[in-house]
Structures are given as structure tokens and as C-alpha cells.
Amino acid sequence: MGLSERDRAILEFEGSWWTETGLKESAIKARFRMSASSYRRILAVLMESEEAASVAPLLIRRLRRDRDLRRRARFEGRPADGAGGRRVR
């Protein structure tokens, strides 16, 4: 089946969005002409795709790890930043 050009562009953008100026949401709207929530839905599907994992393995691995950390933190009732409810200075 393969990834579409839009899917590949999303993976490329997600791997380097912080190098652009401005807010990520603004860049998503300008570049892909979609809302940030639509972008996140597409990215979530791509994260489960073996095709995306073969195109951008490090990115997909990082995104999955971050997602799993957030899920675990919600389940355990603590902040996702690893502070465990403690104040970080």
C-alpha cells in the first residue's frame, strides 16, 4: 500500500518541527491546511503503521515511547514529566 506524500510530509515535519519559528499549531495549519487535532489523529495512525516505522524508525520509536510514558503517568495518577507530583526546581 505505501505511505502517501502527505503521510511522508507529516513524518518529516514531526521529526523537525522545532527548527521552525513560531508555534507548532500555526505551522501545521499553514503547511498541511488542517487543524492540530486532525494532524494528531493522522500522526496517531502513522505511529501504528509498520510502513511509517520502516520509513522513520527512530521517530516512530520516540513517538511511541512518549505516548506510552504519558499513558503510564495517567494510569498511575502522576505528571507525565516524571516529577511524580514533586516540585521540580
PDB file of N, CA and C in Angstrom:
ATOM      1  N   MET A   1       0.826  -1.180   0.000  1.00  0.00           N
ATOM      2  CA  MET A   1       0.000   0.000   0.000  1.00  0.00           C
ATOM      3  C   MET A   1       0.877   1.253   0.000  1.00  0.00           C
ATOM      4  N   GLY A   2       1.820   1.389   0.917  1.00  0.00           N
ATOM      5  CA  GLY A   2       2.738   2.523   0.943  1.00  0.00           C
ATOM      6  C   GLY A   2       2.152   3.752   1.593  1.00  0.00           C
ATOM      7  N   LEU A   3       3.026   4.650   1.940  1.00  0.00           N
ATOM      8  CA  LEU A   3       2.621   5.901   2.560  1.00  0.00           C
ATOM      9  C   LEU A   3       2.344   6.942   1.484  1.00  0.00           C
ATOM     10  N   SER A   4       1.367   7.786   1.738  1.00  0.00           N
ATOM     11  CA  SER A   4       1.070   8.873   0.808  1.00  0.00           C
ATOM     12  C   SER A   4       2.127   9.966   0.970  1.00  0.00           C
ATOM     13  N   GLU A   5       2.132  10.883   0.019  1.00  0.00           N
ATOM     14  CA  GLU A   5       3.043  12.031   0.112  1.00  0.00           C
ATOM     15  C   GLU A   5       2.746  12.847   1.369  1.00  0.00           C
ATOM     16  N   ARG A   6       1.453  12.996   1.701  1.00  0.00           N
ATOM     17  CA  ARG A   6       1.081  13.746   2.906  1.00  0.00           C
ATOM     18  C   ARG A   6       1.608  13.046   4.153  1.00  0.00           C
ATOM     19  N   ASP A   7       1.484  11.720   4.197  1.00  0.00           N
ATOM     20  CA  ASP A   7       1.983  10.966   5.345  1.00  0.00           C
ATOM     21  C   ASP A   7       3.490  11.145   5.507  1.00  0.00           C
ATOM     22  N   ARG A   8       4.202  11.064   4.414  1.00  0.00           N
ATOM     23  CA  ARG A   8       5.654  11.253   4.454  1.00  0.00           C
ATOM     24  C   ARG A   8       6.015  12.676   4.896  1.00  0.00           C
ATOM     25  N   ALA A   9       5.249  13.645   4.421  1.00  0.00           N
ATOM     26  CA  ALA A   9       5.492  15.044   4.801  1.00  0.00           C
ATOM     27  C   ALA A   9       5.222  15.246   6.294  1.00  0.00           C
ATOM     28  N   ILE A  10       4.189  14.596   6.813  1.00  0.00           N
ATOM     29  CA  ILE A  10       3.881  14.697   8.238  1.00  0.00           C
ATOM     30  C   ILE A  10       5.011  14.097   9.066  1.00  0.00           C
ATOM     31  N   LEU A  11       5.515  12.946   8.652  1.00  0.00           N
ATOM     32  CA  LEU A  11       6.625  12.326   9.375  1.00  0.00           C
ATOM     33  C   LEU A  11       7.859  13.229   9.340  1.00  0.00           C
ATOM     34  N   GLU A  12       8.136  13.793   8.198  1.00  0.00           N
ATOM     35  CA  GLU A  12       9.290  14.692   8.080  1.00  0.00           C
ATOM     36  C   GLU A  12       9.113  15.914   8.977  1.00  0.00           C
ATOM     37  N   PHE A  13       7.917  16.499   8.951  1.00  0.00           N
ATOM     38  CA  PHE A  13       7.639  17.670   9.777  1.00  0.00           C
ATOM     39  C   PHE A  13       7.757  17.328  11.256  1.00  0.00           C
ATOM     40  N   GLU A  14       7.182  16.218  11.669  1.00  0.00           N
ATOM     41  CA  GLU A  14       7.206  15.839  13.086  1.00  0.00           C
ATOM     42  C   GLU A  14       8.633  15.616  13.573  1.00  0.00           C
ATOM     43  N   GLY A  15       9.498  15.182  12.679  1.00  0.00           N
ATOM     44  CA  GLY A  15      10.881  14.954  13.054  1.00  0.00           C
ATOM     45  C   GLY A  15      11.708  16.214  13.181  1.00  0.00           C
ATOM     46  N   SER A  16      11.164  17.354  12.705  1.00  0.00           N
ATOM     47  CA  SER A  16      11.988  18.571  12.729  1.00  0.00           C
ATOM     48  C   SER A  16      11.197  19.847  12.955  1.00  0.00           C
ATOM     49  N   TRP A  17       9.994  19.774  13.464  1.00  0.00           N
ATOM     50  CA  TRP A  17       9.163  20.972  13.602  1.00  0.00           C
ATOM     51  C   TRP A  17       9.788  22.031  14.500  1.00  0.00           C
ATOM     52  N   TRP A  18      10.575  21.631  15.472  1.00  0.00           N
ATOM     53  CA  TRP A  18      11.141  22.605  16.421  1.00  0.00           C
ATOM     54  C   TRP A  18      12.180  23.518  15.776  1.00  0.00           C
ATOM     55  N   THR A  19      12.626  23.190  14.584  1.00  0.00           N
ATOM     56  CA  THR A  19      13.601  24.039  13.905  1.00  0.00           C
ATOM     57  C   THR A  19      12.929  25.236  13.225  1.00  0.00           C
ATOM     58  N   GLU A  20      11.605  25.205  13.125  1.00  0.00           N
ATOM     59  CA  GLU A  20      10.870  26.298  12.507  1.00  0.00           C
ATOM     60  C   GLU A  20      10.507  27.346  13.550  1.00  0.00           C
ATOM     61  N   THR A  21      10.325  28.562  13.097  1.00  0.00           N
ATOM     62  CA  THR A  21       9.928  29.620  14.018  1.00  0.00           C
ATOM     63  C   THR A  21       8.412  29.584  14.209  1.00  0.00           C
ATOM     64  N   GLY A  22       7.965  30.062  15.344  1.00  0.00           N
ATOM     65  CA  GLY A  22       6.536  30.134  15.612  1.00  0.00           C
ATOM     66  C   GLY A  22       6.006  28.891  16.292  1.00  0.00           C
ATOM     67  N   LEU A  23       4.697  28.881  16.470  1.00  0.00           N
ATOM     68  CA  LEU A  23       4.029  27.776  17.150  1.00  0.00           C
ATOM     69  C   LEU A  23       3.847  26.579  16.218  1.00  0.00           C
ATOM     70  N   LYS A  24       3.906  25.403  16.784  1.00  0.00           N
ATOM     71  CA  LYS A  24       3.726  24.182  16.003  1.00  0.00           C
ATOM     72  C   LYS A  24       2.342  24.165  15.356  1.00  0.00           C
ATOM     73  N   GLU A  25       1.312  24.565  16.116  1.00  0.00           N
ATOM     74  CA  GLU A  25      -0.052  24.556  15.591  1.00  0.00           C
ATOM     75  C   GLU A  25      -0.192  25.459  14.375  1.00  0.00           C
ATOM     76  N   SER A  26       0.462  26.607  14.402  1.00  0.00           N
ATOM     77  CA  SER A  26       0.418  27.534  13.263  1.00  0.00           C
ATOM     78  C   SER A  26       1.121  26.930  12.053  1.00  0.00           C
ATOM     79  N   ALA A  27       2.235  26.280  12.290  1.00  0.00           N
ATOM     80  CA  ALA A  27       2.972  25.647  11.193  1.00  0.00           C
ATOM     81  C   ALA A  27       2.166  24.506  10.586  1.00  0.00           C
ATOM     82  N   ILE A  28       1.463  23.749  11.417  1.00  0.00           N
ATOM     83  CA  ILE A  28       0.615  22.658  10.916  1.00  0.00           C
ATOM     84  C   ILE A  28      -0.471  23.224  10.020  1.00  0.00           C
ATOM     85  N   LYS A  29      -1.137  24.269  10.491  1.00  0.00           N
ATOM     86  CA  LYS A  29      -2.223  24.875   9.715  1.00  0.00           C
ATOM     87  C   LYS A  29      -1.703  25.422   8.387  1.00  0.00           C
ATOM     88  N   ALA A  30      -0.564  26.093   8.412  1.00  0.00           N
ATOM     89  CA  ALA A  30      -0.008  26.691   7.201  1.00  0.00           C
ATOM     90  C   ALA A  30       0.489  25.628   6.223  1.00  0.00           C
ATOM     91  N   ARG A  31       1.142  24.625   6.742  1.00  0.00           N
ATOM     92  CA  ARG A  31       1.773  23.634   5.861  1.00  0.00           C
ATOM     93  C   ARG A  31       0.809  22.584   5.347  1.00  0.00           C
ATOM     94  N   PHE A  32      -0.082  22.096   6.218  1.00  0.00           N
ATOM     95  CA  PHE A  32      -0.947  20.984   5.839  1.00  0.00           C
ATOM     96  C   PHE A  32      -2.408  21.379   5.644  1.00  0.00           C
ATOM     97  N   ARG A  33      -2.737  22.635   5.968  1.00  0.00           N
ATOM     98  CA  ARG A  33      -4.105  23.127   5.841  1.00  0.00           C
ATOM     99  C   ARG A  33      -5.097  22.234   6.591  1.00  0.00           C
ATOM    100  N   MET A  34      -4.726  21.955   7.845  1.00  0.00           N
ATOM    101  CA  MET A  34      -5.595  21.161   8.714  1.00  0.00           C
ATOM    102  C   MET A  34      -5.403  21.630  10.141  1.00  0.00           C
ATOM    103  N   SER A  35      -6.337  21.264  10.986  1.00  0.00           N
ATOM    104  CA  SER A  35      -6.234  21.628  12.396  1.00  0.00           C
ATOM    105  C   SER A  35      -5.194  20.759  13.088  1.00  0.00           C
ATOM    106  N   ALA A  36      -4.744  21.214  14.234  1.00  0.00           N
ATOM    107  CA  ALA A  36      -3.774  20.442  15.011  1.00  0.00           C
ATOM    108  C   ALA A  36      -4.377  19.112  15.463  1.00  0.00           C
ATOM    109  N   SER A  37      -5.669  19.091  15.769  1.00  0.00           N
ATOM    110  CA  SER A  37      -6.293  17.840  16.211  1.00  0.00           C
ATOM    111  C   SER A  37      -6.366  16.830  15.063  1.00  0.00           C
ATOM    112  N   SER A  38      -6.633  17.296  13.848  1.00  0.00           N
ATOM    113  CA  SER A  38      -6.625  16.393  12.688  1.00  0.00           C
ATOM    114  C   SER A  38      -5.222  15.852  12.452  1.00  0.00           C
ATOM    115  N   TYR A  39      -4.240  16.717  12.580  1.00  0.00           N
ATOM    116  CA  TYR A  39      -2.836  16.320  12.431  1.00  0.00           C
ATOM    117  C   TYR A  39      -2.486  15.226  13.445  1.00  0.00           C
ATOM    118  N   ARG A  40      -2.885  15.434  14.702  1.00  0.00           N
ATOM    119  CA  ARG A  40      -2.581  14.445  15.751  1.00  0.00           C
ATOM    120  C   ARG A  40      -3.271  13.115  15.487  1.00  0.00           C
ATOM    121  N   ARG A  41      -4.487  13.152  14.957  1.00  0.00           N
ATOM    122  CA  ARG A  41      -5.182  11.894  14.623  1.00  0.00           C
ATOM    123  C   ARG A  41      -4.426  11.130  13.541  1.00  0.00           C
ATOM    124  N   ILE A  42      -3.999  11.843  12.507  1.00  0.00           N
ATOM    125  CA  ILE A  42      -3.235  11.206  11.427  1.00  0.00           C
ATOM    126  C   ILE A  42      -1.919  10.667  11.968  1.00  0.00           C
ATOM    127  N   LEU A  43      -1.253  11.454  12.795  1.00  0.00           N
ATOM    128  CA  LEU A  43       0.017  11.019  13.380  1.00  0.00           C
ATOM    129  C   LEU A  43      -0.172   9.770  14.241  1.00  0.00           C
ATOM    130  N   ALA A  44      -1.271   9.688  14.970  1.00  0.00           N
ATOM    131  CA  ALA A  44      -1.550   8.510  15.797  1.00  0.00           C
ATOM    132  C   ALA A  44      -1.702   7.262  14.931  1.00  0.00           C
ATOM    133  N   VAL A  45      -2.344   7.394  13.790  1.00  0.00           N
ATOM    134  CA  VAL A  45      -2.481   6.260  12.863  1.00  0.00           C
ATOM    135  C   VAL A  45      -1.108   5.884  12.312  1.00  0.00           C
ATOM    136  N   LEU A  46      -0.321   6.887  11.953  1.00  0.00           N
ATOM    137  CA  LEU A  46       1.017   6.621  11.425  1.00  0.00           C
ATOM    138  C   LEU A  46       1.899   5.929  12.465  1.00  0.00           C
ATOM    139  N   MET A  47       1.728   6.285  13.732  1.00  0.00           N
ATOM    140  CA  MET A  47       2.534   5.670  14.788  1.00  0.00           C
ATOM    141  C   MET A  47       2.306   4.163  14.875  1.00  0.00           C
ATOM    142  N   GLU A  48       1.139   3.699  14.451  1.00  0.00           N
ATOM    143  CA  GLU A  48       0.826   2.267  14.485  1.00  0.00           C
ATOM    144  C   GLU A  48       1.175   1.564  13.181  1.00  0.00           C
ATOM    145  N   SER A  49       1.602   2.323  12.201  1.00  0.00           N
ATOM    146  CA  SER A  49       1.876   1.782  10.881  1.00  0.00           C
ATOM    147  C   SER A  49       3.296   1.223  10.780  1.00  0.00           C
ATOM    148  N   GLU A  50       3.385  -0.011  10.321  1.00  0.00           N
ATOM    149  CA  GLU A  50       4.706  -0.607  10.090  1.00  0.00           C
ATOM    150  C   GLU A  50       5.423   0.083   8.931  1.00  0.00           C
ATOM    151  N   GLU A  51       4.658   0.586   7.969  1.00  0.00           N
ATOM    152  CA  GLU A  51       5.266   1.308   6.847  1.00  0.00           C
ATOM    153  C   GLU A  51       5.951   2.582   7.338  1.00  0.00           C
ATOM    154  N   ALA A  52       5.271   3.300   8.234  1.00  0.00           N
ATOM    155  CA  ALA A  52       5.874   4.517   8.797  1.00  0.00           C
ATOM    156  C   ALA A  52       7.100   4.166   9.628  1.00  0.00           C
ATOM    157  N   ALA A  53       7.026   3.048  10.351  1.00  0.00           N
ATOM    158  CA  ALA A  53       8.164   2.616  11.164  1.00  0.00           C
ATOM    159  C   ALA A  53       9.355   2.253  10.287  1.00  0.00           C
ATOM    160  N   SER A  54       9.107   1.781   9.091  1.00  0.00           N
ATOM    161  CA  SER A  54      10.230   1.451   8.212  1.00  0.00           C
ATOM    162  C   SER A  54      10.811   2.701   7.548  1.00  0.00           C
ATOM    163  N   VAL A  55       9.986   3.741   7.359  1.00  0.00           N
ATOM    164  CA  VAL A  55      10.455   4.986   6.753  1.00  0.00           C
ATOM    165  C   VAL A  55      11.185   5.858   7.773  1.00  0.00           C
ATOM    166  N   ALA A  56      10.638   5.932   8.997  1.00  0.00           N
ATOM    167  CA  ALA A  56      11.214   6.795  10.039  1.00  0.00           C
ATOM    168  C   ALA A  56      11.266   6.032  11.368  1.00  0.00           C
ATOM    169  N   PRO A  57      12.128   5.023  11.470  1.00  0.00           N
ATOM    170  CA  PRO A  57      12.115   4.155  12.652  1.00  0.00           C
ATOM    171  C   PRO A  57      12.433   4.873  13.965  1.00  0.00           C
ATOM    172  N   LEU A  58      13.390   5.769  13.969  1.00  0.00           N
ATOM    173  CA  LEU A  58      13.736   6.461  15.211  1.00  0.00           C
ATOM    174  C   LEU A  58      12.613   7.383  15.669  1.00  0.00           C
ATOM    175  N   LEU A  59      12.024   8.101  14.734  1.00  0.00           N
ATOM    176  CA  LEU A  59      10.909   8.991  15.064  1.00  0.00           C
ATOM    177  C   LEU A  59       9.725   8.201  15.616  1.00  0.00           C
ATOM    178  N   ILE A  60       9.348   7.142  14.941  1.00  0.00           N
ATOM    179  CA  ILE A  60       8.198   6.346  15.378  1.00  0.00           C
ATOM    180  C   ILE A  60       8.474   5.725  16.742  1.00  0.00           C
ATOM    181  N   ARG A  61       9.675   5.236  16.948  1.00  0.00           N
ATOM    182  CA  ARG A  61      10.031   4.675  18.247  1.00  0.00           C
ATOM    183  C   ARG A  61       9.929   5.725  19.355  1.00  0.00           C
ATOM    184  N   ARG A  62      10.418   6.939  19.090  1.00  0.00           N
ATOM    185  CA  ARG A  62      10.344   8.023  20.079  1.00  0.00           C
ATOM    186  C   ARG A  62       8.898   8.404  20.362  1.00  0.00           C
ATOM    187  N   LEU A  63       8.098   8.535  19.307  1.00  0.00           N
ATOM    188  CA  LEU A  63       6.691   8.907  19.498  1.00  0.00           C
ATOM    189  C   LEU A  63       5.942   7.844  20.301  1.00  0.00           C
ATOM    190  N   ARG A  64       6.200   6.589  20.001  1.00  0.00           N
ATOM    191  CA  ARG A  64       5.546   5.510  20.750  1.00  0.00           C
ATOM    192  C   ARG A  64       5.986   5.510  22.211  1.00  0.00           C
ATOM    193  N   ARG A  65       7.267   5.714  22.452  1.00  0.00           N
ATOM    194  CA  ARG A  65       7.774   5.749  23.822  1.00  0.00           C
ATOM    195  C   ARG A  65       7.151   6.902  24.610  1.00  0.00           C
ATOM    196  N   ASP A  66       7.095   8.088  23.993  1.00  0.00           N
ATOM    197  CA  ASP A  66       6.491   9.247  24.654  1.00  0.00           C
ATOM    198  C   ASP A  66       5.017   8.993  24.947  1.00  0.00           C
ATOM    199  N   ARG A  67       4.300   8.413  23.988  1.00  0.00           N
ATOM    200  CA  ARG A  67       2.884   8.087  24.192  1.00  0.00           C
ATOM    201  C   ARG A  67       2.718   7.115  25.349  1.00  0.00           C
ATOM    202  N   ASP A  68       3.546   6.089  25.389  1.00  0.00           N
ATOM    203  CA  ASP A  68       3.453   5.091  26.454  1.00  0.00           C
ATOM    204  C   ASP A  68       3.765   5.691  27.820  1.00  0.00           C
ATOM    205  N   LEU A  69       4.729   6.601  27.881  1.00  0.00           N
ATOM    206  CA  LEU A  69       5.044   7.279  29.146  1.00  0.00           C
ATOM    207  C   LEU A  69       3.866   8.121  29.631  1.00  0.00           C
ATOM    208  N   ARG A  70       3.214   8.832  28.703  1.00  0.00           N
ATOM    209  CA  ARG A  70       2.045   9.636  29.079  1.00  0.00           C
ATOM    210  C   ARG A  70       0.904   8.748  29.561  1.00  0.00           C
ATOM    211  N   ARG A  71       0.677   7.636  28.874  1.00  0.00           N
ATOM    212  CA  ARG A  71      -0.382   6.706  29.293  1.00  0.00           C
ATOM    213  C   ARG A  71      -0.100   6.145  30.675  1.00  0.00           C
ATOM    214  N   ARG A  72       1.136   5.735  30.896  1.00  0.00           N
ATOM    215  CA  ARG A  72       1.512   5.167  32.194  1.00  0.00           C
ATOM    216  C   ARG A  72       1.349   6.202  33.299  1.00  0.00           C
ATOM    217  N   ALA A  73       1.738   7.439  33.027  1.00  0.00           N
ATOM    218  CA  ALA A  73       1.617   8.502  34.018  1.00  0.00           C
ATOM    219  C   ALA A  73       0.145   8.752  34.357  1.00  0.00           C
ATOM    220  N   ARG A  74      -0.716   8.762  33.346  1.00  0.00           N
ATOM    221  CA  ARG A  74      -2.150   8.955  33.609  1.00  0.00           C
ATOM    222  C   ARG A  74      -2.699   7.809  34.438  1.00  0.00           C
ATOM    223  N   PHE A  75      -2.300   6.598  34.104  1.00  0.00           N
ATOM    224  CA  PHE A  75      -2.778   5.422  34.828  1.00  0.00           C
ATOM    225  C   PHE A  75      -2.332   5.459  36.285  1.00  0.00           C
ATOM    226  N   GLU A  76      -1.101   5.889  36.511  1.00  0.00           N
ATOM    227  CA  GLU A  76      -0.558   5.931  37.874  1.00  0.00           C
ATOM    228  C   GLU A  76      -0.925   7.220  38.600  1.00  0.00           C
ATOM    229  N   GLY A  77      -1.576   8.146  37.923  1.00  0.00           N
ATOM    230  CA  GLY A  77      -2.015   9.376  38.557  1.00  0.00           C
ATOM    231  C   GLY A  77      -0.900  10.333  38.911  1.00  0.00           C
ATOM    232  N   ARG A  78       0.119  10.389  38.061  1.00  0.00           N
ATOM    233  CA  ARG A  78       1.224  11.315  38.312  1.00  0.00           C
ATOM    234  C   ARG A  78       1.507  12.106  37.044  1.00  0.00           C
ATOM    235  N   PRO A  79       2.236  13.202  37.172  1.00  0.00           N
ATOM    236  CA  PRO A  79       2.558  14.011  35.992  1.00  0.00           C
ATOM    237  C   PRO A  79       3.405  13.222  34.999  1.00  0.00           C
ATOM    238  N   ALA A  80       3.199  13.477  33.728  1.00  0.00           N
ATOM    239  CA  ALA A  80       3.934  12.770  32.673  1.00  0.00           C
ATOM    240  C   ALA A  80       5.390  13.189  32.591  1.00  0.00           C
ATOM    241  N   ASP A  81       5.766  14.286  33.262  1.00  0.00           N
ATOM    242  CA  ASP A  81       7.154  14.753  33.186  1.00  0.00           C
ATOM    243  C   ASP A  81       8.093  13.971  34.089  1.00  0.00           C
ATOM    244  N   GLY A  82       7.558  13.004  34.824  1.00  0.00           N
ATOM    245  CA  GLY A  82       8.397  12.177  35.676  1.00  0.00           C
ATOM    246  C   GLY A  82       8.644  12.746  37.045  1.00  0.00           C
ATOM    247  N   ALA A  83       8.045  13.878  37.375  1.00  0.00           N
ATOM    248  CA  ALA A  83       8.291  14.506  38.668  1.00  0.00           C
ATOM    249  C   ALA A  83       7.588  13.763  39.801  1.00  0.00           C
ATOM    250  N   GLY A  84       6.614  12.936  39.460  1.00  0.00           N
ATOM    251  CA  GLY A  84       5.938  12.160  40.491  1.00  0.00           C
ATOM    252  C   GLY A  84       5.181  13.016  41.495  1.00  0.00           C
ATOM    253  N   GLY A  85       4.731  14.166  41.052  1.00  0.00           N
ATOM    254  CA  GLY A  85       3.992  15.054  41.944  1.00  0.00           C
ATOM    255  C   GLY A  85       4.879  15.966  42.764  1.00  0.00           C
ATOM    256  N   ARG A  86       6.191  15.724  42.716  1.00  0.00           N
ATOM    257  CA  ARG A  86       7.127  16.594  43.438  1.00  0.00           C
ATOM    258  C   ARG A  86       7.331  17.878  42.654  1.00  0.00           C
ATOM    259  N   ARG A  87       7.716  18.875  43.370  1.00  0.00           N
ATOM    260  CA  ARG A  87       8.031  20.136  42.743  1.00  0.00           C
ATOM    261  C   ARG A  87       9.451  20.076  42.161  1.00  0.00           C
ATOM    262  N   VAL A  88       9.571  20.402  40.896  1.00  0.00           N
ATOM    263  CA  VAL A  88      10.871  20.379  40.218  1.00  0.00           C
ATOM    264  C   VAL A  88      11.391  21.799  40.141  1.00  0.00           C
ATOM    265  N   ARG A  89      12.642  22.004  40.560  1.00  0.00           N
ATOM    266  CA  ARG A  89      13.226  23.349  40.528  1.00  0.00           C
ATOM    267  C   ARG A  89      14.231  23.463  39.447  1.00  0.00           C
TER     268      ARG A  89
END
